[in-house]
Amino acid sequence: TDEVRPEAGGMFTIPLVDLDGNPTTLAEFAGRPMLIEVWASWCGPCRRVRSVIKEHQAELESVATLVGVSVDQGGASTVKGYLAKSPSPGMHEFMVTPEFRAAIAPLDRQNTIPKLIYVGPDGRIANLSYGVSSADFMTGLLRNLGAADAG
């Protein structure tokens, strides 16, 4: 297409690995707010966050790109197995990398999951929260990120 893509910066340039083992980045999502859930298939609170995101998927997707970054030790096969039983439609799924961990480290004060990372359209991390957030909180924060950029 002839669509002009925004310059990818910040979190949009961090190397990740897709569930097929291919190195990639989030560059294709640049220019739009993004919600990154750092999760694992064995994590009960992560499953609760997933269910909140699923229940409010249309609303969340209307304001942001939804991304899952798994820290499962078992790797992509573990994540694929989990998603086969409990799909998260609309979530773009990736595996964590050392570069991703390093990128969030300055804001990440707790070695715990789930983490929700709120990324502005420019790729900068605007917020990082722990545990289960309400859909209203997620949507409001993401909407503000989009509005701030539009203004």
Protein backbone atom coordinates (compact mmCIF):
# COMPACT_ATOMS: atom_id res chain seq x y z
CA THR A 1 0.00 0.00 0.00
CA ASP A 2 1.00 3.66 -0.35
CA GLU A 3 0.15 4.30 3.31
CA VAL A 4 2.85 6.34 5.02
CA ARG A 5 4.00 4.42 8.07
CA PRO A 6 5.04 6.36 11.16
CA GLU A 7 8.70 6.11 12.10
CA ALA A 8 9.10 3.20 14.49
CA GLY A 9 10.88 4.09 17.71
CA GLY A 10 11.12 3.00 21.32
CA MET A 11 9.28 -0.24 22.10
CA PHE A 12 8.37 -0.66 18.42
CA THR A 13 12.03 -1.42 17.63
CA ILE A 14 12.76 -3.93 20.43
CA PRO A 15 13.59 -7.43 19.14
CA LEU A 16 11.04 -10.11 20.00
CA VAL A 17 10.47 -13.65 18.76
CA ASP A 18 7.14 -14.78 17.28
CA LEU A 19 5.57 -18.10 18.24
CA ASP A 20 7.17 -19.76 15.19
CA GLY A 21 10.64 -18.78 16.41
CA ASN A 22 11.17 -15.94 13.94
CA PRO A 23 12.94 -12.79 15.16
CA THR A 24 10.71 -9.74 14.73
CA THR A 25 9.78 -6.36 16.21
CA LEU A 26 6.55 -4.47 16.88
CA ALA A 27 7.35 -1.91 14.13
CA GLU A 28 4.22 -2.76 12.14
CA PHE A 29 2.14 -1.36 15.04
CA ALA A 30 3.97 1.99 15.29
CA GLY A 31 1.82 5.12 15.34
CA ARG A 32 -0.90 3.70 17.59
CA PRO A 33 -1.06 3.16 21.35
CA MET A 34 -0.18 -0.37 22.39
CA LEU A 35 -1.00 -2.49 25.44
CA ILE A 36 1.63 -5.15 26.15
CA GLU A 37 0.72 -7.90 28.58
CA VAL A 38 3.78 -9.66 30.00
CA TRP A 39 2.42 -13.04 31.03
CA ALA A 40 2.92 -16.80 31.33
CA SER A 41 0.53 -19.68 30.77
CA TRP A 42 1.01 -21.01 34.34
CA CYS A 43 0.24 -17.65 36.00
CA GLY A 44 -3.25 -17.44 37.55
CA PRO A 45 -3.39 -13.62 37.74
CA CYS A 46 -2.21 -13.50 34.09
CA ARG A 47 -5.18 -15.63 33.11
CA ARG A 48 -7.46 -13.16 34.92
CA VAL A 49 -5.91 -10.25 33.00
CA ARG A 50 -6.42 -12.23 29.77
CA SER A 51 -10.09 -12.74 30.57
CA VAL A 52 -10.57 -9.01 31.25
CA ILE A 53 -8.87 -8.19 27.94
CA LYS A 54 -10.97 -10.81 26.11
CA GLU A 55 -14.25 -9.55 27.63
CA HIS A 56 -13.45 -5.98 26.56
CA GLN A 57 -11.50 -6.78 23.42
CA ALA A 58 -13.55 -4.67 20.99
CA GLU A 59 -13.31 -1.59 23.22
CA LEU A 60 -9.58 -2.05 23.86
CA GLU A 61 -8.78 -2.79 20.21
CA SER A 62 -10.60 0.37 19.18
CA VAL A 63 -7.95 2.44 21.01
CA ALA A 64 -4.81 0.27 20.95
CA THR A 65 -2.93 -2.71 19.55
CA LEU A 66 -3.02 -5.65 21.98
CA VAL A 67 0.23 -7.57 22.41
CA GLY A 68 1.12 -10.54 24.60
CA VAL A 69 4.76 -11.18 25.50
CA SER A 70 5.17 -14.55 27.20
CA VAL A 71 7.91 -15.34 29.70
CA ASP A 72 7.09 -19.09 29.68
CA GLN A 73 10.26 -21.11 30.31
CA GLY A 74 8.84 -23.87 28.10
CA GLY A 75 9.04 -21.55 25.10
CA ALA A 76 6.69 -21.02 22.20
CA SER A 77 5.40 -24.62 22.15
CA THR A 78 4.07 -24.17 25.70
CA VAL A 79 2.39 -20.90 24.72
CA LYS A 80 0.91 -22.40 21.54
CA GLY A 81 -0.49 -25.30 23.56
CA TYR A 82 -2.09 -22.93 26.04
CA LEU A 83 -3.54 -20.67 23.32
CA ALA A 84 -4.96 -23.70 21.48
CA LYS A 85 -7.07 -24.45 24.58
CA SER A 86 -7.70 -20.83 25.58
CA PRO A 87 -7.39 -18.57 22.53
CA SER A 88 -6.97 -14.82 22.87
CA PRO A 89 -8.27 -13.51 19.55
CA GLY A 90 -6.98 -10.08 18.72
CA MET A 91 -3.79 -10.51 20.76
CA HIS A 92 -0.53 -10.48 18.84
CA GLU A 93 1.62 -13.07 20.65
CA PHE A 94 5.40 -13.06 21.09
CA MET A 95 8.10 -14.57 23.29
CA VAL A 96 10.23 -12.40 25.59
CA THR A 97 13.83 -11.59 24.66
CA PRO A 98 16.74 -10.23 26.73
CA GLU A 99 16.39 -6.97 24.75
CA PHE A 100 12.73 -6.67 25.78
CA ARG A 101 13.61 -7.27 29.44
CA ALA A 102 16.36 -4.63 29.19
CA ALA A 103 13.99 -2.11 27.54
CA ILE A 104 11.43 -2.32 30.35
CA ALA A 105 13.98 -2.70 33.19
CA PRO A 106 14.23 1.05 34.02
CA LEU A 107 10.49 1.10 34.85
CA ASP A 108 10.11 -2.46 36.06
CA ARG A 109 10.52 -2.41 39.84
CA GLN A 110 9.06 -5.88 40.51
CA ASN A 111 10.13 -9.20 39.09
CA THR A 112 6.52 -10.32 38.87
CA ILE A 113 3.77 -10.96 36.33
CA PRO A 114 1.34 -10.03 35.04
CA LYS A 115 2.67 -6.66 33.95
CA LEU A 116 0.75 -4.32 31.68
CA ILE A 117 2.89 -1.94 29.68
CA TYR A 118 1.19 1.07 28.12
CA VAL A 119 3.04 2.34 25.07
CA GLY A 120 2.32 5.63 23.30
CA PRO A 121 2.07 5.94 19.52
CA ASP A 122 5.72 7.10 19.51
CA GLY A 123 6.89 3.87 21.16
CA ARG A 124 7.64 5.39 24.56
CA ILE A 125 6.45 3.54 27.64
CA ALA A 126 3.89 5.74 29.39
CA ASN A 127 2.99 3.42 32.24
CA LEU A 128 3.72 -0.01 33.67
CA SER A 129 1.31 -1.63 36.11
CA TYR A 130 1.28 -4.92 37.97
CA GLY A 131 -1.53 -7.35 38.65
CA VAL A 132 -5.08 -7.24 37.35
CA SER A 133 -6.39 -3.88 36.11
CA SER A 134 -9.97 -3.05 35.24
CA ALA A 135 -10.95 -2.70 31.60
CA ASP A 136 -12.01 0.91 32.33
CA PHE A 137 -8.53 1.73 33.64
CA MET A 138 -6.84 0.09 30.63
CA THR A 139 -9.13 1.72 28.08
CA GLY A 140 -8.92 5.16 29.73
CA LEU A 141 -5.14 5.15 29.85
CA LEU A 142 -4.83 3.94 26.24
CA ARG A 143 -7.41 6.46 25.03
CA ASN A 144 -5.43 9.26 26.71
CA LEU A 145 -2.24 8.09 25.00
CA GLY A 146 -3.94 8.25 21.60
CA ALA A 147 -5.53 11.63 22.32
CA ALA A 148 -2.23 13.10 23.54
CA ASP A 149 -0.62 12.11 20.27
CA ALA A 150 -3.48 13.40 18.12
CA GLY A 151 -3.31 16.83 19.77
